[in-house]
């Protein structure tokens, strides 16, 4: 198990909740209810197929390296200047 030490709260351990606990928590906490609804995304692998939207709308996925480079370019200049980007505030 991984832990995080050196913080003001001591050692933090990762904990996991099963679907049953999320459903129970969802009775009181809306965020837990939403997580229970989306649990299928984490309990087994799934594949996203964009072929229909590519054919119908003429869309194409952005290559990962290009998306990463554009994101860094969008975010880096204001941070390098010592500020927070205006689009983040």
Protein backbone atom coordinates (compact mmCIF):
# COMPACT_ATOMS: atom_id res chain seq x y z
CA UNK A 1 0.00 0.00 0.00
CA UNK A 2 1.28 3.44 -0.86
CA UNK A 3 1.40 6.12 1.79
CA UNK A 4 2.18 9.80 1.90
CA UNK A 5 4.22 11.04 4.83
CA UNK A 6 5.74 14.32 5.80
CA UNK A 7 2.47 16.22 5.72
CA UNK A 8 0.92 17.99 8.69
CA UNK A 9 -1.67 15.20 9.02
CA UNK A 10 0.86 12.38 9.27
CA UNK A 11 0.57 9.29 7.11
CA UNK A 12 -2.23 9.04 4.55
CA UNK A 13 -3.28 5.67 3.16
CA UNK A 14 -5.30 5.01 0.04
CA UNK A 15 -8.65 3.36 0.65
CA UNK A 16 -11.10 1.92 -1.85
CA UNK A 17 -14.88 1.75 -1.71
CA UNK A 18 -16.89 -0.96 -3.35
CA UNK A 19 -20.12 -0.38 -5.22
CA UNK A 20 -22.23 -1.29 -2.19
CA UNK A 21 -20.55 1.32 0.01
CA UNK A 22 -20.89 3.95 -2.71
CA UNK A 23 -24.60 3.22 -2.99
CA UNK A 24 -25.00 3.44 0.78
CA UNK A 25 -23.02 6.69 0.88
CA UNK A 26 -25.09 7.96 -2.03
CA UNK A 27 -28.11 8.08 0.26
CA UNK A 28 -26.41 10.95 2.10
CA UNK A 29 -23.73 12.33 -0.23
CA UNK A 30 -24.70 13.32 -3.79
CA UNK A 31 -21.10 12.92 -5.03
CA UNK A 32 -21.07 9.29 -3.85
CA UNK A 33 -24.37 8.70 -5.66
CA UNK A 34 -22.86 10.06 -8.87
CA UNK A 35 -19.77 7.88 -8.44
CA UNK A 36 -21.94 4.79 -7.98
CA UNK A 37 -23.69 5.58 -11.28
CA UNK A 38 -20.32 5.77 -13.04
CA UNK A 39 -18.79 2.73 -11.32
CA UNK A 40 -18.98 0.68 -14.53
CA UNK A 41 -16.12 2.77 -15.89
CA UNK A 42 -13.76 1.41 -13.24
CA UNK A 43 -14.75 -2.20 -12.63
CA UNK A 44 -13.90 -3.52 -16.11
CA UNK A 45 -12.13 -2.25 -19.24
CA UNK A 46 -14.16 -0.45 -21.87
CA UNK A 47 -13.44 0.78 -25.36
CA UNK A 48 -14.62 4.01 -26.94
CA UNK A 49 -15.29 3.79 -30.67
CA UNK A 50 -15.42 7.11 -32.53
CA UNK A 51 -15.89 5.66 -36.01
CA UNK A 52 -19.55 6.71 -36.25
CA UNK A 53 -18.86 10.38 -35.38
CA UNK A 54 -15.82 10.36 -37.65
CA UNK A 55 -17.93 9.13 -40.57
CA UNK A 56 -21.02 11.23 -39.86
CA UNK A 57 -19.45 14.51 -38.79
CA UNK A 58 -16.06 14.29 -40.44
CA UNK A 59 -14.29 14.49 -37.08
CA UNK A 60 -10.95 12.92 -36.27
CA UNK A 61 -9.28 12.39 -32.90
CA UNK A 62 -6.37 14.66 -32.04
CA UNK A 63 -3.10 12.72 -31.76
CA UNK A 64 -1.94 12.55 -28.14
CA UNK A 65 1.45 14.20 -28.75
CA UNK A 66 -0.19 17.14 -30.56
CA UNK A 67 -2.85 17.56 -27.86
CA UNK A 68 -0.21 17.50 -25.15
CA UNK A 69 1.98 20.05 -26.95
CA UNK A 70 -0.95 22.41 -27.54
CA UNK A 71 -2.04 22.14 -23.90
CA UNK A 72 1.45 22.98 -22.65
CA UNK A 73 1.68 25.88 -25.11
CA UNK A 74 -1.70 27.19 -23.90
CA UNK A 75 -0.80 26.92 -20.22
CA UNK A 76 2.95 27.55 -20.00
CA UNK A 77 3.51 31.25 -20.94
CA UNK A 78 1.47 32.79 -18.09
CA UNK A 79 2.91 30.33 -15.57
CA UNK A 80 6.48 31.08 -16.73
CA UNK A 81 5.74 34.77 -16.18
CA UNK A 82 4.86 34.02 -12.56
CA UNK A 83 1.10 34.21 -12.81
CA UNK A 84 -1.96 32.08 -13.14
CA UNK A 85 -3.44 31.89 -16.62
CA UNK A 86 -6.52 34.11 -16.98
CA UNK A 87 -8.53 31.18 -18.36
CA UNK A 88 -7.93 29.22 -15.11
CA UNK A 89 -9.03 31.88 -12.61
